[in-house]
Amino acid sequence: MISPGLSSWELVFRLALAAIIGAIFGYERKKSKKPAGIRTHVLISLASCMVALVSAYGFAGVYSPELVGINFNIDPARLVVGVLTGIGFIGGGIIWKSTTGVIGITTAAEIFFLAALGIAIGLGLYLLAGVAALIAIITLVASDIKQLMPGKRKAEAADDAIARQDDPQEEN
């Protein structure tokens, strides 16, 4: 048991849920032939969940009677901030400029979102994580379905060409 309020089964459940959610998003990216796939998404979600668990429950034993009179400052939220900073660095590496525009913005945003999702699951915020995951996956899948529609593709290709002329930083 990690803390009096969290059982081993709850710990395993949170980690497994984070891994499953990561795999779902990773599968969507792999299916779309994007740079980050299932393994990357599972690892990001799982690591974020684990850091959130350590942040929320791992410092419970720090305040012990032996430490009375010793001044120290512990801020468990710093771990979560560190995760988001690191993910921002990874996301920056995913985005690159090509001759046709900027590529990888959606994958980088999804990786940042997945880190936040892993943190929410690690903290036990299941409703928040579930609703956010549902909205995100619908957004990603709806975008893929829209691209498959024959009439929309030609109109969007023309719109994209115009947008690239207006703003060369636009994502493909």
N, C-alpha and C. Protein backbone atom coordinates (compact mmCIF):
# COMPACT_ATOMS: atom_id res chain seq x y z
N MET A 1 0.85 -1.19 0.00
CA MET A 1 0.00 0.00 0.00
C MET A 1 0.89 1.24 0.00
N ILE A 2 0.58 2.18 -0.88
CA ILE A 2 1.37 3.39 -1.01
C ILE A 2 1.00 4.44 0.05
N SER A 3 -0.26 4.48 0.44
CA SER A 3 -0.71 5.39 1.49
C SER A 3 -1.96 4.80 2.12
N PRO A 4 -2.34 5.30 3.29
CA PRO A 4 -3.53 4.75 3.94
C PRO A 4 -4.80 4.89 3.10
N GLY A 5 -4.86 5.86 2.18
CA GLY A 5 -6.07 6.08 1.40
C GLY A 5 -6.08 5.41 0.04
N LEU A 6 -5.03 4.68 -0.33
CA LEU A 6 -4.95 4.10 -1.66
C LEU A 6 -4.51 2.64 -1.57
N SER A 7 -5.38 1.74 -2.00
CA SER A 7 -5.05 0.31 -1.95
C SER A 7 -4.15 -0.06 -3.12
N SER A 8 -3.52 -1.21 -3.02
CA SER A 8 -2.68 -1.71 -4.11
C SER A 8 -3.50 -1.94 -5.36
N TRP A 9 -4.74 -2.40 -5.21
CA TRP A 9 -5.61 -2.63 -6.37
C TRP A 9 -5.96 -1.33 -7.07
N GLU A 10 -6.20 -0.29 -6.30
CA GLU A 10 -6.49 1.02 -6.89
C GLU A 10 -5.27 1.54 -7.65
N LEU A 11 -4.11 1.33 -7.10
CA LEU A 11 -2.87 1.72 -7.76
C LEU A 11 -2.72 1.00 -9.10
N VAL A 12 -2.92 -0.31 -9.09
CA VAL A 12 -2.82 -1.11 -10.32
C VAL A 12 -3.89 -0.68 -11.32
N PHE A 13 -5.11 -0.43 -10.83
CA PHE A 13 -6.19 0.00 -11.71
C PHE A 13 -5.84 1.31 -12.42
N ARG A 14 -5.31 2.27 -11.68
CA ARG A 14 -4.97 3.56 -12.28
C ARG A 14 -3.88 3.42 -13.33
N LEU A 15 -2.87 2.63 -13.03
CA LEU A 15 -1.79 2.42 -14.00
C LEU A 15 -2.30 1.69 -15.25
N ALA A 16 -3.13 0.67 -15.04
CA ALA A 16 -3.69 -0.09 -16.18
C ALA A 16 -4.59 0.80 -17.03
N LEU A 17 -5.42 1.61 -16.39
CA LEU A 17 -6.30 2.52 -17.13
C LEU A 17 -5.49 3.52 -17.95
N ALA A 18 -4.45 4.05 -17.36
CA ALA A 18 -3.59 4.99 -18.10
C ALA A 18 -2.96 4.30 -19.30
N ALA A 19 -2.51 3.08 -19.14
CA ALA A 19 -1.90 2.34 -20.25
C ALA A 19 -2.93 2.05 -21.34
N ILE A 20 -4.13 1.67 -20.96
CA ILE A 20 -5.18 1.38 -21.95
C ILE A 20 -5.56 2.63 -22.74
N ILE A 21 -5.75 3.73 -22.03
CA ILE A 21 -6.09 4.99 -22.70
C ILE A 21 -4.95 5.40 -23.64
N GLY A 22 -3.72 5.26 -23.18
CA GLY A 22 -2.58 5.58 -24.03
C GLY A 22 -2.55 4.71 -25.28
N ALA A 23 -2.88 3.43 -25.13
CA ALA A 23 -2.89 2.51 -26.29
C ALA A 23 -3.97 2.90 -27.29
N ILE A 24 -5.12 3.33 -26.80
CA ILE A 24 -6.21 3.75 -27.70
C ILE A 24 -5.77 4.95 -28.53
N PHE A 25 -5.20 5.95 -27.88
CA PHE A 25 -4.75 7.13 -28.61
C PHE A 25 -3.57 6.79 -29.52
N GLY A 26 -2.69 5.93 -29.06
CA GLY A 26 -1.56 5.51 -29.88
C GLY A 26 -1.99 4.75 -31.11
N TYR A 27 -3.02 3.93 -30.97
CA TYR A 27 -3.55 3.20 -32.11
C TYR A 27 -4.11 4.16 -33.15
N GLU A 28 -4.82 5.18 -32.69
CA GLU A 28 -5.39 6.18 -33.60
C GLU A 28 -4.27 6.88 -34.37
N ARG A 29 -3.17 7.23 -33.71
CA ARG A 29 -2.05 7.90 -34.38
C ARG A 29 -1.35 6.94 -35.34
N LYS A 30 -1.19 5.67 -34.91
CA LYS A 30 -0.53 4.68 -35.78
C LYS A 30 -1.37 4.44 -37.03
N LYS A 31 -2.68 4.34 -36.84
CA LYS A 31 -3.60 4.13 -37.96
C LYS A 31 -3.52 5.30 -38.93
N SER A 32 -3.29 6.49 -38.42
CA SER A 32 -3.18 7.68 -39.25
C SER A 32 -1.76 7.88 -39.79
N LYS A 33 -0.89 6.90 -39.53
CA LYS A 33 0.50 6.94 -39.99
C LYS A 33 1.24 8.19 -39.49
N LYS A 34 1.09 8.46 -38.21
CA LYS A 34 1.75 9.61 -37.59
C LYS A 34 2.99 9.13 -36.82
N PRO A 35 3.90 10.06 -36.48
CA PRO A 35 5.19 9.66 -35.93
C PRO A 35 5.16 8.95 -34.57
N ALA A 36 4.27 9.29 -33.69
CA ALA A 36 4.23 8.66 -32.36
C ALA A 36 3.12 7.61 -32.35
N GLY A 37 3.48 6.39 -31.99
CA GLY A 37 2.52 5.29 -32.04
C GLY A 37 2.10 4.78 -30.68
N ILE A 38 1.71 3.53 -30.63
CA ILE A 38 1.16 2.92 -29.42
C ILE A 38 2.15 2.93 -28.27
N ARG A 39 3.37 2.46 -28.50
CA ARG A 39 4.35 2.39 -27.41
C ARG A 39 4.62 3.77 -26.81
N THR A 40 4.82 4.75 -27.66
CA THR A 40 5.09 6.11 -27.18
C THR A 40 3.93 6.62 -26.33
N HIS A 41 2.72 6.44 -26.81
CA HIS A 41 1.55 6.94 -26.08
C HIS A 41 1.35 6.21 -24.76
N VAL A 42 1.54 4.91 -24.75
CA VAL A 42 1.39 4.14 -23.50
C VAL A 42 2.44 4.60 -22.50
N LEU A 43 3.67 4.74 -22.94
CA LEU A 43 4.73 5.16 -22.01
C LEU A 43 4.49 6.56 -21.46
N ILE A 44 4.04 7.47 -22.28
CA ILE A 44 3.77 8.83 -21.80
C ILE A 44 2.63 8.84 -20.79
N SER A 45 1.54 8.16 -21.12
CA SER A 45 0.39 8.12 -20.22
C SER A 45 0.75 7.41 -18.91
N LEU A 46 1.44 6.31 -19.02
CA LEU A 46 1.82 5.53 -17.84
C LEU A 46 2.79 6.30 -16.95
N ALA A 47 3.79 6.93 -17.55
CA ALA A 47 4.76 7.70 -16.77
C ALA A 47 4.09 8.89 -16.09
N SER A 48 3.20 9.56 -16.79
CA SER A 48 2.49 10.71 -16.20
C SER A 48 1.62 10.26 -15.03
N CYS A 49 0.95 9.12 -15.20
CA CYS A 49 0.12 8.58 -14.13
C CYS A 49 0.99 8.23 -12.92
N MET A 50 2.12 7.61 -13.17
CA MET A 50 3.01 7.21 -12.09
C MET A 50 3.54 8.43 -11.33
N VAL A 51 3.92 9.46 -12.05
CA VAL A 51 4.41 10.67 -11.40
C VAL A 51 3.30 11.32 -10.58
N ALA A 52 2.08 11.33 -11.11
CA ALA A 52 0.95 11.89 -10.35
C ALA A 52 0.71 11.09 -9.07
N LEU A 53 0.81 9.78 -9.16
CA LEU A 53 0.65 8.93 -7.96
C LEU A 53 1.72 9.23 -6.93
N VAL A 54 2.96 9.33 -7.37
CA VAL A 54 4.05 9.65 -6.45
C VAL A 54 3.84 11.04 -5.86
N SER A 55 3.42 11.98 -6.71
CA SER A 55 3.19 13.34 -6.25
C SER A 55 2.09 13.41 -5.19
N ALA A 56 1.00 12.67 -5.43
CA ALA A 56 -0.14 12.74 -4.52
C ALA A 56 0.03 11.88 -3.27
N TYR A 57 0.69 10.73 -3.40
CA TYR A 57 0.73 9.78 -2.29
C TYR A 57 2.13 9.42 -1.82
N GLY A 58 3.13 9.71 -2.58
CA GLY A 58 4.48 9.27 -2.25
C GLY A 58 5.16 10.03 -1.14
N PHE A 59 4.63 11.17 -0.76
CA PHE A 59 5.28 11.97 0.28
C PHE A 59 4.54 11.88 1.61
N ALA A 60 3.61 10.93 1.72
CA ALA A 60 2.82 10.81 2.94
C ALA A 60 3.70 10.52 4.16
N GLY A 61 4.75 9.73 4.01
CA GLY A 61 5.61 9.37 5.13
C GLY A 61 6.70 10.36 5.43
N VAL A 62 6.81 11.44 4.66
CA VAL A 62 7.88 12.40 4.87
C VAL A 62 7.71 13.13 6.19
N TYR A 63 6.49 13.41 6.55
CA TYR A 63 6.23 14.11 7.81
C TYR A 63 6.17 13.08 8.93
N SER A 64 7.29 12.83 9.55
CA SER A 64 7.35 11.84 10.62
C SER A 64 7.82 12.50 11.92
N PRO A 65 7.57 11.86 13.05
CA PRO A 65 7.97 12.45 14.33
C PRO A 65 9.47 12.74 14.44
N GLU A 66 10.30 11.97 13.73
CA GLU A 66 11.74 12.20 13.79
C GLU A 66 12.15 13.53 13.18
N LEU A 67 11.30 14.09 12.35
CA LEU A 67 11.64 15.31 11.63
C LEU A 67 11.10 16.58 12.29
N VAL A 68 10.58 16.46 13.49
CA VAL A 68 10.04 17.63 14.20
C VAL A 68 11.17 18.62 14.44
N GLY A 69 10.91 19.86 14.11
CA GLY A 69 11.89 20.92 14.32
C GLY A 69 12.78 21.18 13.12
N ILE A 70 12.72 20.33 12.12
CA ILE A 70 13.52 20.53 10.91
C ILE A 70 12.64 21.25 9.89
N ASN A 71 13.12 22.37 9.38
CA ASN A 71 12.37 23.12 8.39
C ASN A 71 12.75 22.67 6.98
N PHE A 72 11.77 22.25 6.21
CA PHE A 72 11.98 21.92 4.82
C PHE A 72 10.68 22.17 4.07
N ASN A 73 10.82 22.40 2.79
CA ASN A 73 9.66 22.74 1.97
C ASN A 73 9.47 21.64 0.93
N ILE A 74 8.31 21.01 0.96
CA ILE A 74 7.98 19.98 -0.03
C ILE A 74 6.76 20.44 -0.80
N ASP A 75 6.87 20.44 -2.12
CA ASP A 75 5.76 20.81 -2.98
C ASP A 75 5.56 19.69 -4.00
N PRO A 76 4.70 18.72 -3.68
CA PRO A 76 4.51 17.59 -4.60
C PRO A 76 4.02 17.99 -5.99
N ALA A 77 3.41 19.15 -6.14
CA ALA A 77 2.93 19.59 -7.45
C ALA A 77 4.08 19.85 -8.42
N ARG A 78 5.28 20.04 -7.89
CA ARG A 78 6.43 20.28 -8.76
C ARG A 78 6.70 19.08 -9.67
N LEU A 79 6.40 17.89 -9.21
CA LEU A 79 6.59 16.71 -10.05
C LEU A 79 5.69 16.77 -11.27
N VAL A 80 4.44 17.16 -11.07
CA VAL A 80 3.48 17.24 -12.17
C VAL A 80 3.93 18.32 -13.16
N VAL A 81 4.37 19.44 -12.65
CA VAL A 81 4.86 20.52 -13.52
C VAL A 81 6.07 20.04 -14.32
N GLY A 82 6.92 19.24 -13.69
CA GLY A 82 8.08 18.68 -14.39
C GLY A 82 7.68 17.79 -15.54
N VAL A 83 6.63 17.01 -15.36
CA VAL A 83 6.13 16.14 -16.43
C VAL A 83 5.69 17.00 -17.61
N LEU A 84 4.89 18.01 -17.35
CA LEU A 84 4.38 18.85 -18.43
C LEU A 84 5.50 19.60 -19.15
N THR A 85 6.52 20.01 -18.41
CA THR A 85 7.68 20.67 -19.03
C THR A 85 8.41 19.69 -19.94
N GLY A 86 8.65 18.49 -19.45
CA GLY A 86 9.32 17.48 -20.26
C GLY A 86 8.54 17.10 -21.50
N ILE A 87 7.24 17.00 -21.36
CA ILE A 87 6.40 16.66 -22.51
C ILE A 87 6.42 17.80 -23.53
N GLY A 88 6.48 19.03 -23.05
CA GLY A 88 6.60 20.17 -23.97
C GLY A 88 7.87 20.07 -24.79
N PHE A 89 8.95 19.62 -24.16
CA PHE A 89 10.21 19.43 -24.86
C PHE A 89 10.09 18.34 -25.92
N ILE A 90 9.46 17.22 -25.56
CA ILE A 90 9.24 16.13 -26.51
C ILE A 90 8.35 16.61 -27.66
N GLY A 91 7.29 17.32 -27.33
CA GLY A 91 6.38 17.83 -28.35
C GLY A 91 7.08 18.77 -29.32
N GLY A 92 7.99 19.59 -28.79
CA GLY A 92 8.74 20.49 -29.65
C GLY A 92 9.60 19.72 -30.65
N GLY A 93 10.08 18.55 -30.25
CA GLY A 93 10.87 17.73 -31.15
C GLY A 93 10.06 17.04 -32.22
N ILE A 94 8.77 16.90 -31.99
CA ILE A 94 7.88 16.23 -32.95
C ILE A 94 7.49 17.18 -34.08
N ILE A 95 7.44 18.46 -33.79
CA ILE A 95 7.01 19.45 -34.78
C ILE A 95 8.19 19.84 -35.67
N TRP A 96 7.98 19.81 -36.95
CA TRP A 96 9.03 20.24 -37.88
C TRP A 96 8.40 20.93 -39.08
N LYS A 97 9.24 21.73 -39.74
CA LYS A 97 8.78 22.46 -40.91
C LYS A 97 9.23 21.73 -42.17
N SER A 98 8.29 21.55 -43.07
CA SER A 98 8.62 20.93 -44.36
C SER A 98 8.36 21.95 -45.45
N THR A 99 8.55 21.54 -46.67
CA THR A 99 8.31 22.46 -47.80
C THR A 99 6.83 22.77 -47.97
N THR A 100 5.96 21.91 -47.43
CA THR A 100 4.52 22.12 -47.57
C THR A 100 3.89 22.79 -46.35
N GLY A 101 4.65 23.00 -45.29
CA GLY A 101 4.11 23.64 -44.10
C GLY A 101 4.69 23.03 -42.84
N VAL A 102 4.01 23.19 -41.74
CA VAL A 102 4.45 22.65 -40.46
C VAL A 102 3.74 21.33 -40.20
N ILE A 103 4.50 20.33 -39.81
CA ILE A 103 3.97 18.98 -39.61
C ILE A 103 4.19 18.55 -38.17
N GLY A 104 3.23 17.83 -37.62
CA GLY A 104 3.37 17.25 -36.30
C GLY A 104 2.69 18.00 -35.17
N ILE A 105 2.00 19.06 -35.48
CA ILE A 105 1.37 19.86 -34.42
C ILE A 105 0.30 19.05 -33.69
N THR A 106 -0.54 18.33 -34.42
CA THR A 106 -1.60 17.55 -33.78
C THR A 106 -1.01 16.44 -32.91
N THR A 107 0.02 15.77 -33.39
CA THR A 107 0.64 14.71 -32.59
C THR A 107 1.27 15.30 -31.34
N ALA A 108 1.93 16.43 -31.44
CA ALA A 108 2.52 17.07 -30.27
C ALA A 108 1.44 17.49 -29.27
N ALA A 109 0.34 18.02 -29.77
CA ALA A 109 -0.77 18.41 -28.89
C ALA A 109 -1.38 17.18 -28.22
N GLU A 110 -1.48 16.10 -28.98
CA GLU A 110 -2.05 14.87 -28.42
C GLU A 110 -1.14 14.31 -27.33
N ILE A 111 0.16 14.37 -27.52
CA ILE A 111 1.09 13.88 -26.50
C ILE A 111 0.98 14.72 -25.23
N PHE A 112 0.87 16.04 -25.37
CA PHE A 112 0.68 16.90 -24.21
C PHE A 112 -0.64 16.56 -23.51
N PHE A 113 -1.70 16.37 -24.31
CA PHE A 113 -3.00 16.00 -23.76
C PHE A 113 -2.91 14.67 -23.03
N LEU A 114 -2.22 13.72 -23.60
CA LEU A 114 -2.10 12.39 -23.01
C LEU A 114 -1.36 12.45 -21.68
N ALA A 115 -0.35 13.31 -21.57
CA ALA A 115 0.34 13.48 -20.30
C ALA A 115 -0.62 14.03 -19.24
N ALA A 116 -1.42 15.01 -19.63
CA ALA A 116 -2.42 15.56 -18.70
C ALA A 116 -3.45 14.51 -18.33
N LEU A 117 -3.82 13.68 -19.28
CA LEU A 117 -4.77 12.59 -19.02
C LEU A 117 -4.19 11.59 -18.03
N GLY A 118 -2.93 11.23 -18.23
CA GLY A 118 -2.27 10.31 -17.29
C GLY A 118 -2.20 10.89 -15.89
N ILE A 119 -1.96 12.19 -15.78
CA ILE A 119 -1.93 12.86 -14.48
C ILE A 119 -3.32 12.80 -13.83
N ALA A 120 -4.35 13.09 -14.61
CA ALA A 120 -5.72 13.05 -14.07
C ALA A 120 -6.08 11.65 -13.58
N ILE A 121 -5.72 10.63 -14.34
CA ILE A 121 -6.00 9.25 -13.92
C ILE A 121 -5.21 8.92 -12.66
N GLY A 122 -3.96 9.32 -12.62
CA GLY A 122 -3.13 9.06 -11.44
C GLY A 122 -3.69 9.70 -10.19
N LEU A 123 -4.34 10.85 -10.35
CA LEU A 123 -4.93 11.54 -9.20
C LEU A 123 -6.35 11.05 -8.88
N GLY A 124 -6.84 10.10 -9.69
CA GLY A 124 -8.16 9.53 -9.45
C GLY A 124 -9.31 10.37 -9.99
N LEU A 125 -9.04 11.26 -10.90
CA LEU A 125 -10.08 12.11 -11.48
C LEU A 125 -10.65 11.43 -12.72
N TYR A 126 -11.37 10.34 -12.51
CA TYR A 126 -11.83 9.48 -13.59
C TYR A 126 -12.86 10.15 -14.49
N LEU A 127 -13.80 10.89 -13.93
CA LEU A 127 -14.82 11.55 -14.75
C LEU A 127 -14.16 12.58 -15.66
N LEU A 128 -13.28 13.39 -15.10
CA LEU A 128 -12.55 14.38 -15.89
C LEU A 128 -11.77 13.69 -17.01
N ALA A 129 -11.04 12.65 -16.68
CA ALA A 129 -10.22 11.94 -17.67
C ALA A 129 -11.09 11.28 -18.73
N GLY A 130 -12.18 10.66 -18.31
CA GLY A 130 -13.06 9.96 -19.25
C GLY A 130 -13.73 10.90 -20.24
N VAL A 131 -14.27 11.99 -19.74
CA VAL A 131 -14.95 12.95 -20.62
C VAL A 131 -13.94 13.60 -21.56
N ALA A 132 -12.80 14.00 -21.04
CA ALA A 132 -11.78 14.62 -21.88
C ALA A 132 -11.28 13.64 -22.95
N ALA A 133 -11.06 12.39 -22.58
CA ALA A 133 -10.60 11.39 -23.55
C ALA A 133 -11.65 11.17 -24.64
N LEU A 134 -12.90 11.09 -24.25
CA LEU A 134 -13.97 10.89 -25.21
C LEU A 134 -14.05 12.05 -26.21
N ILE A 135 -14.00 13.26 -25.71
CA ILE A 135 -14.04 14.43 -26.59
C ILE A 135 -12.84 14.44 -27.53
N ALA A 136 -11.66 14.13 -27.00
CA ALA A 136 -10.45 14.15 -27.82
C ALA A 136 -10.48 13.08 -28.90
N ILE A 137 -10.90 11.87 -28.55
CA ILE A 137 -10.89 10.79 -29.54
C ILE A 137 -11.95 11.05 -30.62
N ILE A 138 -13.10 11.61 -30.22
CA ILE A 138 -14.12 11.97 -31.20
C ILE A 138 -13.57 13.04 -32.15
N THR A 139 -12.86 14.01 -31.61
CA THR A 139 -12.28 15.07 -32.43
C THR A 139 -11.28 14.50 -33.43
N LEU A 140 -10.42 13.60 -32.97
CA LEU A 140 -9.42 13.01 -33.87
C LEU A 140 -10.06 12.12 -34.93
N VAL A 141 -11.01 11.29 -34.53
CA VAL A 141 -11.67 10.38 -35.47
C VAL A 141 -12.54 11.16 -36.45
N ALA A 142 -13.26 12.17 -35.96
CA ALA A 142 -14.11 12.97 -36.85
C ALA A 142 -13.26 13.68 -37.90
N SER A 143 -12.10 14.12 -37.51
CA SER A 143 -11.19 14.76 -38.46
C SER A 143 -10.76 13.77 -39.53
N ASP A 144 -10.48 12.52 -39.14
CA ASP A 144 -10.10 11.49 -40.11
C ASP A 144 -11.26 11.17 -41.04
N ILE A 145 -12.47 11.07 -40.51
CA ILE A 145 -13.64 10.76 -41.33
C ILE A 145 -13.90 11.89 -42.32
N LYS A 146 -13.77 13.12 -41.87
CA LYS A 146 -13.98 14.28 -42.73
C LYS A 146 -13.01 14.26 -43.90
N GLN A 147 -11.78 13.83 -43.66
CA GLN A 147 -10.77 13.78 -44.72
C GLN A 147 -11.10 12.71 -45.76
N LEU A 148 -11.87 11.69 -45.39
CA LEU A 148 -12.20 10.60 -46.30
C LEU A 148 -13.37 10.93 -47.22
N MET A 149 -14.13 11.96 -46.90
CA MET A 149 -15.30 12.32 -47.71
C MET A 149 -14.84 12.93 -49.02
N PRO A 150 -15.24 12.33 -50.18
CA PRO A 150 -14.72 12.76 -51.48
C PRO A 150 -15.01 14.22 -51.82
N GLY A 151 -16.21 14.70 -51.59
CA GLY A 151 -16.55 16.08 -51.93
C GLY A 151 -15.82 17.07 -51.07
N LYS A 152 -15.60 16.72 -49.83
CA LYS A 152 -14.94 17.63 -48.90
C LYS A 152 -13.44 17.73 -49.18
N ARG A 153 -12.85 16.64 -49.67
CA ARG A 153 -11.41 16.62 -49.88
C ARG A 153 -10.97 17.67 -50.90
N LYS A 154 -11.68 17.77 -52.01
CA LYS A 154 -11.30 18.74 -53.04
C LYS A 154 -11.46 20.17 -52.54
N ALA A 155 -12.57 20.44 -51.86
CA ALA A 155 -12.80 21.78 -51.33
C ALA A 155 -11.77 22.12 -50.27
N GLU A 156 -11.44 21.14 -49.41
CA GLU A 156 -10.46 21.40 -48.36
C GLU A 156 -9.06 21.56 -48.93
N ALA A 157 -8.74 20.83 -49.99
CA ALA A 157 -7.43 20.97 -50.62
C ALA A 157 -7.26 22.39 -51.15
N ALA A 158 -8.30 22.92 -51.76
CA ALA A 158 -8.25 24.30 -52.25
C ALA A 158 -8.13 25.27 -51.09
N ASP A 159 -8.92 25.04 -50.02
CA ASP A 159 -8.84 25.89 -48.83
C ASP A 159 -7.46 25.82 -48.19
N ASP A 160 -6.88 24.62 -48.12
CA ASP A 160 -5.56 24.45 -47.53
C ASP A 160 -4.50 25.19 -48.34
N ALA A 161 -4.61 25.13 -49.67
CA ALA A 161 -3.64 25.82 -50.53
C ALA A 161 -3.72 27.32 -50.30
N ILE A 162 -4.93 27.84 -50.17
CA ILE A 162 -5.10 29.27 -49.91
C ILE A 162 -4.56 29.61 -48.53
N ALA A 163 -4.84 28.77 -47.54
CA ALA A 163 -4.37 29.01 -46.17
C ALA A 163 -2.85 29.00 -46.10
N ARG A 164 -2.21 28.09 -46.85
CA ARG A 164 -0.75 28.03 -46.84
C ARG A 164 -0.15 29.28 -47.48
N GLN A 165 -0.85 29.84 -48.46
CA GLN A 165 -0.35 31.07 -49.05
C GLN A 165 -0.47 32.20 -48.06
N ASP A 166 -1.57 32.21 -47.29
CA ASP A 166 -1.79 33.25 -46.28
C ASP A 166 -0.89 33.05 -45.08
N ASP A 167 -0.74 31.80 -44.63
CA ASP A 167 -0.01 31.50 -43.40
C ASP A 167 0.83 30.25 -43.63
N PRO A 168 2.09 30.36 -43.93
CA PRO A 168 2.92 29.19 -44.23
C PRO A 168 3.13 28.31 -42.99
N GLN A 169 2.74 28.73 -41.82
CA GLN A 169 2.89 27.92 -40.60
C GLN A 169 1.72 26.99 -40.37
N GLU A 170 0.75 26.98 -41.24
CA GLU A 170 -0.46 26.16 -41.08
C GLU A 170 -0.11 24.67 -41.17
N GLU A 171 -0.76 23.88 -40.33
CA GLU A 171 -0.53 22.42 -40.31
C GLU A 171 -1.23 21.77 -41.48
N ASN A 172 -0.64 20.69 -42.01
CA ASN A 172 -1.27 19.91 -43.08
C ASN A 172 -2.35 19.05 -42.54
